[in-house]
Amino acid sequence: MNLEFNKNEDSIKQLNFQLKKRLEKVALGGGEKRIAAHKAKGKLTARERIEYLLDKGTETVEIGAFAGEGMYKEEGGCPGGGVVVVIGWVQGRQCVVVANDATVKAGAWFPITAKKNLRAQEISIENKLPIIYLVDSAGVYLPMQDEIFPDKEHFGRIFRNNAVMSSMGIVQLAAIMGPCVAGGAYLPIMSDEAMIVDGTGSVFLAGSYLVKSAIGESIDNETLGGATTHSEISGVTDYKFANDEECLDHIRNIFDKMGGQATAGFSRKAPQAPAQDEKEIYGLLPADRAKPYDMMDIINRLVDNSEFEPYKDLYGQSLICGLARIDGWAVGIVANQRKIVKTKKGAMQMGGVIYSDSADKAARFIMNCNQKKIPLVFLHDVSGFMVGSQSEHGGIIKDGAKMVNAMANSVVPKFSVIVGNSYGAGNYAMCGKAYDPRLIVAWPTAQLAVMSGAAAANTLLQIQVAAAEGKGEKLTDEAKKEMFDNIKARYDEQLSPYYAAARLWVDAIIDPLETRKVISQGISMANHAPIEKAYNVGVIQV
């Protein structure tokens, strides 16, 4: 028995158990009582609608399950951001499905709801995927209207995207399965086709109470904007159905008749499982994040047949670069090496740190993958770039900038998996959220921040101690320790992958064994969008 392996395995399995329990809680939306009240109206829940719509037995990727977690406590919270977003398959065609969860504040839009909807549209736009909106929403959450209504990335951007996506030829279908109010009424009607469910679906710019207040007209909501009104009088909707199931069946029928489209032509062969046991990842990734390990042990359990073709493997060894296949798809992998390595010049390089030689190597590798039309996968466990006089004099900034430039201008799709640390400029160089990865996911072992909790706490402590001493105060060692502990506890909370997922800095938190599926589904969707832009890195510091 390997006690260290078993300890690591137990740690990740416990984190996975916590992940599963948190996902189960998210799936309940507004809670069992609200689900029961929703279903009493003859309606399916958001998740039931998606499950009914998608092809049975096919792979799915949920986006933003933890959006809003721990946020808006004074408003009663907003589980899942009040909307469910899934990348899945309808009639054999990959698509994005966006379903309002009416059990969460009647499907009202919080700021994070808008951000999550915009992320769904971004995925659709980047990958030219059809998108389906299952609408059941009371509109903007009025107490927070100033945080959701007027700005560029707020509510109105969604309707702007509807128009732009239509001009791009991206198929948009909408089903009105509950209320659809005010500005939100434009979302389904700006889609290519709009369906409505009789008796539960309604769409209007102003409800009956506001109509009475504004113009003195007394009218009920069904007459004002129900299914009969809009399917037989106004012509606003295209189809009327008796229930949710009929409506969803019709969407499937539309998808069944859709024509094909061009592909990006990414290379795929018959998928093969890794030759080395994937489950061993649990025991190989240290529970103590300060301990070194060989990232190749992880890569060999992620790639097909455990076959990896290294690029410049004897140079710039703190970054691993090379070619492989994941679920049959050809990929270029850029991964942080976490073991300590020794250069030919005799220098020792710390694991998880990007040095000048490794940044230079990665930049060249990224450019080669763009030349060969090979999607990129980044595996993060990075503390940052090397600091100190030797690195500064060696030009670490220009070499790091070269890597960032090559990565930022990539025209091949990029995918990021945060395995462990993702700190500071290292997050940027390894294709963090700011650099447009098609998907970015985190393992439960991930941490995201400018720096580690201990480093940040020590830095902030020095600032606070200096400020106190500047006022003539003398702090005891006990007072300093208490201050350090308070700072670190607050900072550690922000390091959590759940903190990042709540704010959509990552698309999902996943069991490490789901990594191959997520990357495969990601490349599959990216393959719907032919590369139209030439690769040009601009001016590079050499």
Protein backbone atom coordinates (compact mmCIF):
# COMPACT_ATOMS: atom_id res chain seq x y z
CA MET A 1 0.00 0.00 0.00
CA ASN A 2 1.15 3.53 -0.80
CA LEU A 3 -0.01 5.66 2.12
CA GLU A 4 0.62 8.94 0.30
CA PHE A 5 -1.39 7.74 -2.72
CA ASN A 6 -4.26 6.65 -0.46
CA LYS A 7 -4.22 9.95 1.39
CA ASN A 8 -4.40 11.89 -1.87
CA GLU A 9 -7.16 9.63 -3.17
CA ASP A 10 -9.26 10.06 -0.03
CA SER A 11 -8.87 13.84 -0.22
CA ILE A 12 -10.12 14.15 -3.81
CA LYS A 13 -12.91 11.65 -3.29
CA GLN A 14 -14.12 13.76 -0.37
CA LEU A 15 -13.99 16.89 -2.55
CA ASN A 16 -15.93 15.05 -5.26
CA PHE A 17 -18.53 13.97 -2.71
CA GLN A 18 -18.97 17.60 -1.64
CA LEU A 19 -19.25 18.61 -5.30
CA LYS A 20 -21.97 16.03 -5.90
CA LYS A 21 -23.97 17.18 -2.85
CA ARG A 22 -23.72 20.83 -3.88
CA LEU A 23 -24.87 20.00 -7.41
CA GLU A 24 -27.84 18.09 -5.98
CA LYS A 25 -28.79 21.17 -3.97
CA VAL A 26 -28.45 23.42 -7.03
CA ALA A 27 -30.72 21.07 -9.00
CA LEU A 28 -33.54 21.82 -6.53
CA GLY A 29 -33.58 25.45 -7.65
CA GLY A 30 -35.94 27.37 -5.38
CA GLY A 31 -36.64 24.29 -3.26
CA GLU A 32 -39.06 21.37 -3.15
CA LYS A 33 -42.11 23.46 -2.15
CA ARG A 34 -41.69 25.80 -5.09
CA ILE A 35 -41.08 22.88 -7.43
CA ALA A 36 -44.36 21.31 -6.25
CA ALA A 37 -46.23 24.61 -6.77
CA HIS A 38 -44.70 24.95 -10.25
CA LYS A 39 -45.68 21.42 -11.28
CA ALA A 40 -49.20 21.92 -9.90
CA LYS A 41 -49.71 24.36 -12.80
CA GLY A 42 -49.12 21.49 -15.24
CA LYS A 43 -45.61 22.67 -16.06
CA LEU A 44 -42.33 20.78 -16.24
CA THR A 45 -39.39 22.21 -14.31
CA ALA A 46 -36.51 23.80 -16.21
CA ARG A 47 -34.37 20.68 -15.80
CA GLU A 48 -37.23 18.37 -16.79
CA ARG A 49 -37.79 20.43 -19.92
CA ILE A 50 -34.14 20.12 -20.89
CA GLU A 51 -34.05 16.40 -20.16
CA TYR A 52 -37.19 15.84 -22.27
CA LEU A 53 -35.80 17.91 -25.15
CA LEU A 54 -32.31 16.42 -25.44
CA ASP A 55 -31.45 13.14 -27.15
CA LYS A 56 -31.47 10.31 -24.63
CA GLY A 57 -28.13 8.81 -23.65
CA THR A 58 -26.01 11.62 -25.11
CA GLU A 59 -23.26 13.58 -23.37
CA THR A 60 -24.05 17.00 -21.91
CA VAL A 61 -22.05 19.81 -20.31
CA GLU A 62 -23.81 22.14 -17.88
CA ILE A 63 -22.57 25.73 -17.79
CA GLY A 64 -22.66 27.86 -14.64
CA ALA A 65 -24.43 25.47 -12.27
CA PHE A 66 -22.99 27.36 -9.30
CA ALA A 67 -23.68 30.83 -10.69
CA GLY A 68 -24.88 33.13 -7.91
CA GLU A 69 -23.94 30.75 -5.08
CA GLY A 70 -23.45 32.71 -1.86
CA MET A 71 -24.51 35.96 -3.55
CA TYR A 72 -27.59 38.17 -2.99
CA LYS A 73 -28.11 36.86 0.55
CA GLU A 74 -30.12 39.95 1.49
CA GLU A 75 -32.47 39.15 -1.43
CA GLY A 76 -32.90 35.51 -0.45
CA GLY A 77 -30.30 34.19 -2.89
CA CYS A 78 -30.45 33.17 -6.53
CA PRO A 79 -29.56 29.44 -6.92
CA GLY A 80 -28.00 28.66 -10.28
CA GLY A 81 -28.52 32.27 -11.29
CA GLY A 82 -32.19 31.41 -11.86
CA VAL A 83 -31.46 29.80 -15.21
CA VAL A 84 -30.16 26.42 -16.43
CA VAL A 85 -27.71 26.32 -19.35
CA VAL A 86 -26.72 23.03 -20.98
CA ILE A 87 -24.69 22.13 -24.06
CA GLY A 88 -26.33 19.00 -25.47
CA TRP A 89 -27.71 17.22 -28.54
CA VAL A 90 -31.13 17.45 -30.22
CA GLN A 91 -31.80 15.09 -33.11
CA GLY A 92 -28.07 14.43 -33.36
CA ARG A 93 -27.22 18.12 -33.56
CA GLN A 94 -25.21 19.87 -30.85
CA CYS A 95 -26.81 23.01 -29.42
CA VAL A 96 -27.10 25.30 -26.40
CA VAL A 97 -30.27 25.18 -24.28
CA VAL A 98 -31.18 28.04 -21.93
CA ALA A 99 -34.11 27.45 -19.56
CA ASN A 100 -35.40 29.94 -16.98
CA ASP A 101 -35.96 28.34 -13.58
CA ALA A 102 -39.31 29.75 -12.45
CA THR A 103 -38.87 28.18 -8.99
CA VAL A 104 -36.19 30.81 -8.29
CA LYS A 105 -37.88 34.19 -7.75
CA ALA A 106 -40.39 33.36 -10.52
CA GLY A 107 -37.49 33.25 -12.98
CA ALA A 108 -36.67 36.93 -12.38
CA TRP A 109 -33.41 38.26 -13.77
CA PHE A 110 -30.63 39.09 -11.31
CA PRO A 111 -27.31 40.55 -12.49
CA ILE A 112 -25.77 37.08 -12.51
CA THR A 113 -28.74 35.80 -14.57
CA ALA A 114 -27.89 38.25 -17.32
CA LYS A 115 -24.20 37.31 -17.14
CA LYS A 116 -25.05 33.62 -17.44
CA ASN A 117 -27.40 34.19 -20.39
CA LEU A 118 -24.72 36.26 -22.11
CA ARG A 119 -22.22 33.44 -21.56
CA ALA A 120 -24.65 31.01 -23.19
CA GLN A 121 -25.00 33.31 -26.19
CA GLU A 122 -21.22 33.76 -26.35
CA ILE A 123 -20.78 29.99 -26.58
CA SER A 124 -23.41 29.87 -29.32
CA ILE A 125 -21.77 32.71 -31.26
CA GLU A 126 -18.17 31.45 -30.99
CA ASN A 127 -19.09 27.94 -32.03
CA LYS A 128 -22.00 28.74 -34.38
CA LEU A 129 -24.24 26.44 -32.35
CA PRO A 130 -28.04 26.63 -32.55
CA ILE A 131 -29.55 27.95 -29.32
CA ILE A 132 -32.91 27.15 -27.75
CA TYR A 133 -34.54 29.44 -25.18
CA LEU A 134 -37.15 27.91 -22.85
CA VAL A 135 -38.70 31.07 -21.43
CA ASP A 136 -40.49 31.24 -18.08
CA SER A 137 -39.59 34.50 -16.37
CA ALA A 138 -41.16 37.40 -14.51
CA GLY A 139 -38.58 39.77 -16.00
CA VAL A 140 -35.99 41.99 -14.30
CA TYR A 141 -35.70 41.71 -10.52
CA LEU A 142 -36.80 45.28 -9.88
CA PRO A 143 -35.02 45.91 -6.55
CA MET A 144 -31.72 45.48 -8.43
CA GLN A 145 -32.71 47.08 -11.73
CA ASP A 146 -29.78 49.53 -11.61
CA GLU A 147 -27.36 46.57 -11.70
CA ILE A 148 -29.02 44.78 -14.60
CA PHE A 149 -30.74 47.26 -16.89
CA PRO A 150 -28.65 50.00 -18.53
CA ASP A 151 -25.02 48.98 -19.04
CA LYS A 152 -23.32 47.34 -22.00
CA GLU A 153 -23.13 43.85 -20.48
CA HIS A 154 -26.58 44.05 -18.86
CA PHE A 155 -30.04 42.79 -19.86
CA GLY A 156 -30.31 44.72 -23.14
CA ARG A 157 -27.17 43.11 -24.55
CA ILE A 158 -29.08 39.83 -24.83
CA PHE A 159 -31.54 41.27 -27.37
CA ARG A 160 -28.71 42.94 -29.25
CA ASN A 161 -27.12 39.49 -29.46
CA ASN A 162 -30.41 38.02 -30.73
CA ALA A 163 -30.21 40.38 -33.69
CA VAL A 164 -26.50 39.84 -34.35
CA MET A 165 -26.81 36.06 -34.08
CA SER A 166 -29.67 36.08 -36.55
CA SER A 167 -27.55 38.03 -39.03
CA MET A 168 -24.80 35.41 -38.59
CA GLY A 169 -27.19 32.60 -39.54
CA ILE A 170 -27.20 31.05 -36.07
CA VAL A 171 -30.50 29.24 -35.48
CA GLN A 172 -32.47 30.55 -32.49
CA LEU A 173 -35.71 28.92 -31.32
CA ALA A 174 -37.80 30.06 -28.37
CA ALA A 175 -40.56 28.41 -26.40
CA ILE A 176 -42.73 30.62 -24.18
CA MET A 177 -43.63 28.24 -21.37
CA GLY A 178 -44.55 30.76 -18.70
CA PRO A 179 -44.61 34.53 -18.26
CA CYS A 180 -42.44 36.59 -20.60
CA VAL A 181 -42.61 40.19 -19.48
CA ALA A 182 -41.48 43.69 -20.52
CA GLY A 183 -38.08 43.87 -22.25
CA GLY A 184 -37.79 40.11 -21.87
CA ALA A 185 -40.63 39.76 -24.36
CA TYR A 186 -38.19 40.64 -27.12
CA LEU A 187 -35.96 37.58 -26.54
CA PRO A 188 -38.38 34.95 -27.91
CA ILE A 189 -39.82 37.23 -30.56
CA MET A 190 -36.38 38.15 -31.89
CA SER A 191 -35.65 34.43 -32.29
CA ASP A 192 -36.25 32.72 -35.64
CA GLU A 193 -39.39 30.96 -34.44
CA ALA A 194 -41.47 31.38 -31.28
CA MET A 195 -43.72 28.76 -29.72
CA ILE A 196 -46.16 29.30 -26.84
CA VAL A 197 -47.89 26.90 -24.42
CA ASP A 198 -51.61 27.48 -24.00
CA GLY A 199 -52.75 28.37 -20.49
CA THR A 200 -49.28 28.90 -19.01
CA GLY A 201 -47.36 30.93 -21.59
CA SER A 202 -47.89 34.67 -21.91
CA VAL A 203 -45.95 37.51 -23.42
CA PHE A 204 -46.51 41.26 -23.11
CA LEU A 205 -44.59 44.48 -22.69
CA ALA A 206 -46.68 45.39 -19.63
CA GLY A 207 -48.84 43.17 -17.45
CA SER A 208 -52.45 43.87 -16.52
CA TYR A 209 -51.59 45.80 -13.33
CA LEU A 210 -49.21 48.12 -15.15
CA VAL A 211 -51.70 48.57 -18.01
CA LYS A 212 -54.38 49.58 -15.49
CA SER A 213 -51.98 52.00 -13.84
CA ALA A 214 -50.67 53.48 -17.10
CA ILE A 215 -53.79 53.86 -19.26
CA GLY A 216 -56.70 52.84 -17.03
CA GLU A 217 -57.61 49.76 -19.07
CA SER A 218 -58.87 46.74 -17.13
CA ILE A 219 -57.86 43.44 -18.75
CA ASP A 220 -56.65 40.03 -17.60
CA ASN A 221 -53.22 38.73 -18.54
CA GLU A 222 -54.51 35.86 -20.66
CA THR A 223 -56.58 38.16 -22.88
CA LEU A 224 -53.77 40.70 -22.91
CA GLY A 225 -50.98 38.38 -24.01
CA GLY A 226 -51.86 34.68 -23.77
CA ALA A 227 -51.39 31.94 -26.33
CA THR A 228 -54.69 32.51 -28.17
CA THR A 229 -54.08 36.26 -28.41
CA HIS A 230 -50.62 35.94 -29.89
CA SER A 231 -51.23 32.89 -32.09
CA GLU A 232 -54.62 33.93 -33.51
CA ILE A 233 -54.91 37.71 -33.19
CA SER A 234 -51.53 39.50 -33.03
CA GLY A 235 -49.47 36.91 -34.92
CA VAL A 236 -46.59 37.48 -32.50
CA THR A 237 -46.03 33.73 -31.94
CA ASP A 238 -45.77 31.09 -34.63
CA TYR A 239 -47.15 28.00 -32.92
CA LYS A 240 -49.51 27.18 -30.03
CA PHE A 241 -49.35 23.95 -28.03
CA ALA A 242 -51.45 22.35 -25.32
CA ASN A 243 -48.58 21.54 -22.97
CA ASP A 244 -44.83 21.59 -22.45
CA GLU A 245 -44.27 18.19 -24.01
CA GLU A 246 -46.00 19.06 -27.30
CA CYS A 247 -44.00 22.25 -27.52
CA LEU A 248 -40.68 20.46 -26.93
CA ASP A 249 -41.62 17.77 -29.45
CA HIS A 250 -42.07 20.48 -32.05
CA ILE A 251 -38.60 21.87 -31.37
CA ARG A 252 -37.22 18.38 -31.95
CA ASN A 253 -39.16 18.20 -35.22
CA ILE A 254 -37.62 21.48 -36.38
CA PHE A 255 -34.13 20.21 -35.57
CA ASP A 256 -34.89 17.01 -37.47
CA LYS A 257 -35.31 19.00 -40.69
CA MET A 258 -32.34 21.37 -40.34
CA GLY A 259 -29.61 21.22 -42.97
CA GLY A 260 -25.93 20.59 -42.32
CA GLN A 261 -23.18 23.16 -42.01
CA ALA A 262 -19.49 23.56 -42.72
CA THR A 263 -16.97 22.36 -40.15
CA ALA A 264 -13.59 23.61 -38.98
CA GLY A 265 -12.03 20.27 -39.95
CA PHE A 266 -10.23 19.45 -36.70
CA SER A 267 -8.61 16.02 -36.76
CA ARG A 268 -10.44 13.14 -35.09
CA LYS A 269 -9.80 9.42 -35.07
CA ALA A 270 -11.53 6.59 -33.24
CA PRO A 271 -11.42 7.41 -29.50
CA GLN A 272 -9.27 5.27 -27.23
CA ALA A 273 -9.27 5.16 -23.44
CA PRO A 274 -6.00 6.06 -21.68
CA ALA A 275 -3.74 3.02 -21.33
CA GLN A 276 -3.03 4.09 -17.75
CA ASP A 277 -5.93 4.03 -15.28
CA GLU A 278 -7.71 7.40 -15.18
CA LYS A 279 -8.83 6.84 -11.60
CA GLU A 280 -5.22 6.91 -10.48
CA ILE A 281 -5.35 10.70 -10.93
CA TYR A 282 -7.02 10.80 -7.52
CA GLY A 283 -3.96 9.33 -5.82
CA LEU A 284 -1.32 11.07 -7.92
CA LEU A 285 -2.47 14.66 -7.32
CA PRO A 286 -1.11 15.66 -3.89
CA ALA A 287 -3.59 16.64 -1.20
CA ASP A 288 -0.93 19.10 -0.01
CA ARG A 289 -0.82 21.64 -2.84
CA ALA A 290 2.73 22.66 -1.86
CA LYS A 291 4.11 19.20 -2.71
CA PRO A 292 5.70 18.63 -6.12
CA TYR A 293 4.43 16.01 -8.57
CA ASP A 294 4.97 15.06 -12.20
CA MET A 295 2.24 16.55 -14.39
CA MET A 296 3.04 13.88 -17.00
CA ASP A 297 1.43 11.36 -14.62
CA ILE A 298 -1.82 13.33 -14.99
CA ILE A 299 -1.49 13.83 -18.76
CA ASN A 300 -0.90 10.12 -19.35
CA ARG A 301 -4.25 9.41 -17.70
CA LEU A 302 -6.13 12.00 -19.76
CA VAL A 303 -4.94 11.33 -23.32
CA ASP A 304 -5.88 8.50 -25.67
CA ASN A 305 -3.82 5.33 -25.18
CA SER A 306 -1.59 7.44 -22.87
CA GLU A 307 0.33 8.55 -25.97
CA PHE A 308 1.95 11.99 -25.86
CA GLU A 309 4.38 13.55 -28.36
CA PRO A 310 6.48 16.09 -26.41
CA TYR A 311 7.74 19.31 -27.96
CA LYS A 312 11.21 20.51 -26.83
CA ASP A 313 10.97 18.23 -23.80
CA LEU A 314 14.59 18.88 -22.77
CA TYR A 315 14.20 22.67 -22.87
CA GLY A 316 12.01 24.98 -20.78
CA GLN A 317 10.94 22.04 -18.67
CA SER A 318 8.70 23.97 -16.25
CA LEU A 319 6.10 23.92 -19.03
CA ILE A 320 5.12 20.69 -20.78
CA CYS A 321 4.11 21.13 -24.41
CA GLY A 322 3.12 18.42 -26.83
CA LEU A 323 0.56 16.74 -29.06
CA ALA A 324 -1.94 14.02 -28.16
CA ARG A 325 -5.53 12.95 -28.73
CA ILE A 326 -8.41 13.26 -26.30
CA ASP A 327 -11.45 11.13 -27.12
CA GLY A 328 -10.09 10.93 -30.66
CA TRP A 329 -9.60 14.69 -31.14
CA ALA A 330 -6.08 15.97 -31.87
CA VAL A 331 -4.97 18.51 -29.25
CA GLY A 332 -1.94 20.57 -28.36
CA ILE A 333 -1.37 20.51 -24.60
CA VAL A 334 0.33 23.24 -22.56
CA ALA A 335 0.69 22.17 -18.93
CA ASN A 336 2.55 23.39 -15.87
CA GLN A 337 5.16 20.91 -14.66
CA ARG A 338 4.97 20.72 -10.88
CA LYS A 339 8.15 18.78 -10.13
CA ILE A 340 11.47 20.55 -9.58
CA VAL A 341 13.63 20.38 -12.69
CA LYS A 342 17.33 21.01 -13.34
CA THR A 343 18.45 22.78 -16.47
CA LYS A 344 21.51 21.80 -18.51
CA LYS A 345 23.15 24.95 -17.13
CA GLY A 346 22.76 23.53 -13.63
CA ALA A 347 19.98 25.86 -12.47
CA MET A 348 17.13 24.47 -10.38
CA GLN A 349 13.63 25.49 -11.50
CA MET A 350 10.65 25.31 -9.15
CA GLY A 351 7.55 23.42 -10.19
CA GLY A 352 4.52 25.46 -11.20
CA VAL A 353 6.61 28.53 -12.10
CA ILE A 354 6.99 29.87 -15.64
CA TYR A 355 10.58 30.77 -16.55
CA SER A 356 11.92 32.60 -19.60
CA ASP A 357 12.90 29.42 -21.45
CA SER A 358 9.53 27.73 -20.83
CA ALA A 359 7.58 30.85 -21.88
CA ASP A 360 9.65 31.03 -25.05
CA LYS A 361 8.99 27.35 -25.79
CA ALA A 362 5.27 27.65 -25.16
CA ALA A 363 4.95 30.67 -27.45
CA ARG A 364 6.56 28.73 -30.30
CA PHE A 365 4.41 25.66 -29.63
CA ILE A 366 1.19 27.72 -29.58
CA MET A 367 2.14 29.28 -32.91
CA ASN A 368 2.81 25.82 -34.36
CA CYS A 369 -0.61 24.56 -33.24
CA ASN A 370 -2.24 27.52 -34.97
CA GLN A 371 -0.23 26.76 -38.11
CA LYS A 372 -1.45 23.14 -38.05
CA LYS A 373 -5.05 23.89 -36.99
CA ILE A 374 -4.82 21.95 -33.71
CA PRO A 375 -7.02 22.99 -30.75
CA LEU A 376 -5.16 23.94 -27.55
CA VAL A 377 -5.70 22.55 -24.05
CA PHE A 378 -4.17 24.34 -21.05
CA LEU A 379 -3.71 22.45 -17.77
CA HIS A 380 -3.19 24.97 -14.96
CA ASP A 381 -1.19 24.42 -11.82
CA VAL A 382 0.72 27.66 -11.90
CA SER A 383 2.09 29.96 -9.20
CA GLY A 384 3.13 32.65 -11.68
CA PHE A 385 6.23 33.82 -13.53
CA MET A 386 9.65 33.66 -11.91
CA VAL A 387 10.64 36.84 -10.05
CA GLY A 388 13.95 38.28 -8.83
CA SER A 389 16.90 40.08 -10.35
CA GLN A 390 18.17 37.13 -12.37
CA SER A 391 14.81 36.66 -14.07
CA GLU A 392 14.25 40.38 -14.60
CA HIS A 393 17.73 40.80 -16.11
CA GLY A 394 17.06 37.75 -18.29
CA GLY A 395 13.97 39.40 -19.79
CA ILE A 396 11.19 37.39 -18.14
CA ILE A 397 8.67 40.14 -18.91
CA LYS A 398 9.30 40.10 -22.65
CA ASP A 399 9.32 36.31 -22.77
CA GLY A 400 6.10 36.15 -20.78
CA ALA A 401 4.59 38.79 -23.05
CA LYS A 402 5.57 36.68 -26.06
CA MET A 403 3.67 33.70 -24.66
CA VAL A 404 0.63 35.80 -23.79
CA ASN A 405 0.67 37.38 -27.26
CA ALA A 406 0.86 34.02 -29.05
CA MET A 407 -1.95 32.61 -26.89
CA ALA A 408 -4.22 35.67 -26.96
CA ASN A 409 -4.16 35.87 -30.76
CA SER A 410 -4.77 32.15 -31.31
CA VAL A 411 -7.45 31.40 -33.86
CA VAL A 412 -7.73 27.73 -32.94
CA PRO A 413 -10.13 27.03 -30.07
CA LYS A 414 -8.65 27.03 -26.56
CA PHE A 415 -9.79 25.05 -23.52
CA SER A 416 -8.60 25.57 -19.95
CA VAL A 417 -8.64 23.09 -17.08
CA ILE A 418 -7.61 24.43 -13.67
CA VAL A 419 -6.09 21.44 -11.91
CA GLY A 420 -4.54 23.19 -8.93
CA ASN A 421 -3.22 26.74 -8.59
CA SER A 422 -4.02 29.45 -11.10
CA TYR A 423 -2.35 32.55 -9.70
CA GLY A 424 -1.57 36.00 -11.02
CA ALA A 425 -0.10 36.48 -14.48
CA GLY A 426 0.24 32.71 -14.68
CA ASN A 427 -3.54 32.53 -15.00
CA TYR A 428 -3.33 34.94 -17.93
CA ALA A 429 -0.52 33.12 -19.74
CA MET A 430 -2.33 29.79 -19.33
CA CYS A 431 -5.49 31.13 -20.97
CA GLY A 432 -7.61 32.29 -18.05
CA LYS A 433 -11.16 33.55 -18.55
CA ALA A 434 -9.98 36.91 -19.91
CA TYR A 435 -8.42 35.17 -22.92
CA ASP A 436 -11.56 33.66 -24.44
CA PRO A 437 -11.27 29.92 -23.81
CA ARG A 438 -14.21 28.17 -25.47
CA LEU A 439 -14.67 26.41 -22.11
CA ILE A 440 -12.87 26.87 -18.80
CA VAL A 441 -13.45 24.36 -16.01
CA ALA A 442 -11.95 23.71 -12.60
CA TRP A 443 -11.30 20.58 -10.60
CA PRO A 444 -12.44 20.71 -6.95
CA THR A 445 -8.72 21.07 -6.10
CA ALA A 446 -8.45 24.40 -7.96
CA GLN A 447 -7.62 27.83 -6.55
CA LEU A 448 -7.84 31.14 -8.43
CA ALA A 449 -6.40 34.43 -7.19
CA VAL A 450 -3.64 36.98 -7.65
CA MET A 451 -1.50 34.90 -5.27
CA SER A 452 -1.80 32.19 -2.62
CA GLY A 453 -3.65 32.88 0.62
CA ALA A 454 -0.49 32.84 2.75
CA ALA A 455 1.41 35.14 0.38
CA ALA A 456 -1.47 37.58 0.15
CA ALA A 457 -2.05 37.55 3.91
CA ASN A 458 1.65 38.24 4.60
CA THR A 459 1.66 41.12 2.11
CA LEU A 460 -1.53 42.67 3.48
CA LEU A 461 -0.33 42.14 7.05
CA GLN A 462 2.85 44.10 6.37
CA ILE A 463 0.79 46.95 4.94
CA GLN A 464 -1.56 47.01 7.95
CA VAL A 465 1.28 46.76 10.47
CA ALA A 466 3.13 49.60 8.74
CA ALA A 467 -0.05 51.71 8.81
CA ALA A 468 -0.54 51.03 12.54
CA GLU A 469 3.08 51.83 13.34
CA GLY A 470 2.76 55.00 11.31
CA LYS A 471 0.07 56.06 13.79
CA GLY A 472 2.37 55.25 16.69
CA GLU A 473 0.69 51.93 17.56
CA LYS A 474 2.82 48.96 18.60
CA LEU A 475 1.25 45.60 17.74
CA THR A 476 2.03 42.51 19.78
CA ASP A 477 2.90 39.19 18.16
CA GLU A 478 -0.51 37.89 19.25
CA ALA A 479 -2.26 40.83 17.60
CA LYS A 480 -0.27 40.30 14.41
CA LYS A 481 -1.15 36.59 14.37
CA GLU A 482 -4.84 37.33 14.86
CA MET A 483 -4.71 39.92 12.08
CA PHE A 484 -2.91 37.44 9.80
CA ASP A 485 -5.42 34.69 10.50
CA ASN A 486 -8.38 36.98 9.79
CA ILE A 487 -6.89 38.20 6.54
CA LYS A 488 -5.98 34.67 5.39
CA ALA A 489 -9.43 33.27 6.24
CA ARG A 490 -11.11 36.00 4.19
CA TYR A 491 -8.69 35.54 1.29
CA ASP A 492 -8.92 31.74 1.37
CA GLU A 493 -12.69 31.97 0.90
CA GLN A 494 -12.09 33.89 -2.31
CA LEU A 495 -9.57 31.28 -3.51
CA SER A 496 -12.25 28.58 -3.61
CA PRO A 497 -13.32 27.25 -7.03
CA TYR A 498 -16.92 27.72 -5.85
CA TYR A 499 -16.29 31.44 -5.34
CA ALA A 500 -15.02 31.57 -8.93
CA ALA A 501 -17.88 29.46 -10.27
CA ALA A 502 -20.47 31.65 -8.51
CA ARG A 503 -19.17 34.61 -10.51
CA LEU A 504 -18.76 32.64 -13.76
CA TRP A 505 -14.98 33.00 -13.79
CA VAL A 506 -15.13 29.30 -14.64
CA ASP A 507 -17.90 27.55 -16.55
CA ALA A 508 -18.06 24.51 -14.28
CA ILE A 509 -16.44 22.58 -11.46
CA ILE A 510 -15.95 18.98 -12.52
CA ASP A 511 -14.77 15.63 -11.23
CA PRO A 512 -11.28 15.10 -12.79
CA LEU A 513 -12.70 12.02 -14.53
CA GLU A 514 -15.07 14.27 -16.52
CA THR A 515 -12.16 16.15 -18.11
CA ARG A 516 -11.98 14.05 -21.26
CA LYS A 517 -15.74 14.40 -21.82
CA VAL A 518 -15.71 18.17 -21.38
CA ILE A 519 -12.78 18.68 -23.75
CA SER A 520 -14.28 16.32 -26.32
CA GLN A 521 -17.67 18.04 -26.23
CA GLY A 522 -15.90 21.40 -26.38
CA ILE A 523 -13.92 20.53 -29.51
CA SER A 524 -17.02 18.99 -31.05
CA MET A 525 -18.89 22.27 -30.66
CA ALA A 526 -15.87 24.31 -31.83
CA ASN A 527 -15.72 22.16 -34.95
CA HIS A 528 -19.03 23.74 -36.05
CA ALA A 529 -17.23 27.07 -36.58
CA PRO A 530 -14.71 27.15 -39.46
CA ILE A 531 -11.66 29.31 -38.74
CA GLU A 532 -12.14 32.52 -40.72
CA LYS A 533 -9.37 34.71 -39.31
CA ALA A 534 -5.69 34.45 -40.26
CA TYR A 535 -3.28 33.90 -37.37
CA ASN A 536 -1.35 37.11 -36.73
CA VAL A 537 0.46 37.75 -33.47
CA GLY A 538 1.38 41.33 -34.30
CA VAL A 539 4.57 42.78 -32.80
CA ILE A 540 6.45 40.35 -30.54
CA GLN A 541 9.33 41.23 -28.22
CA VAL A 542 12.32 39.06 -29.16
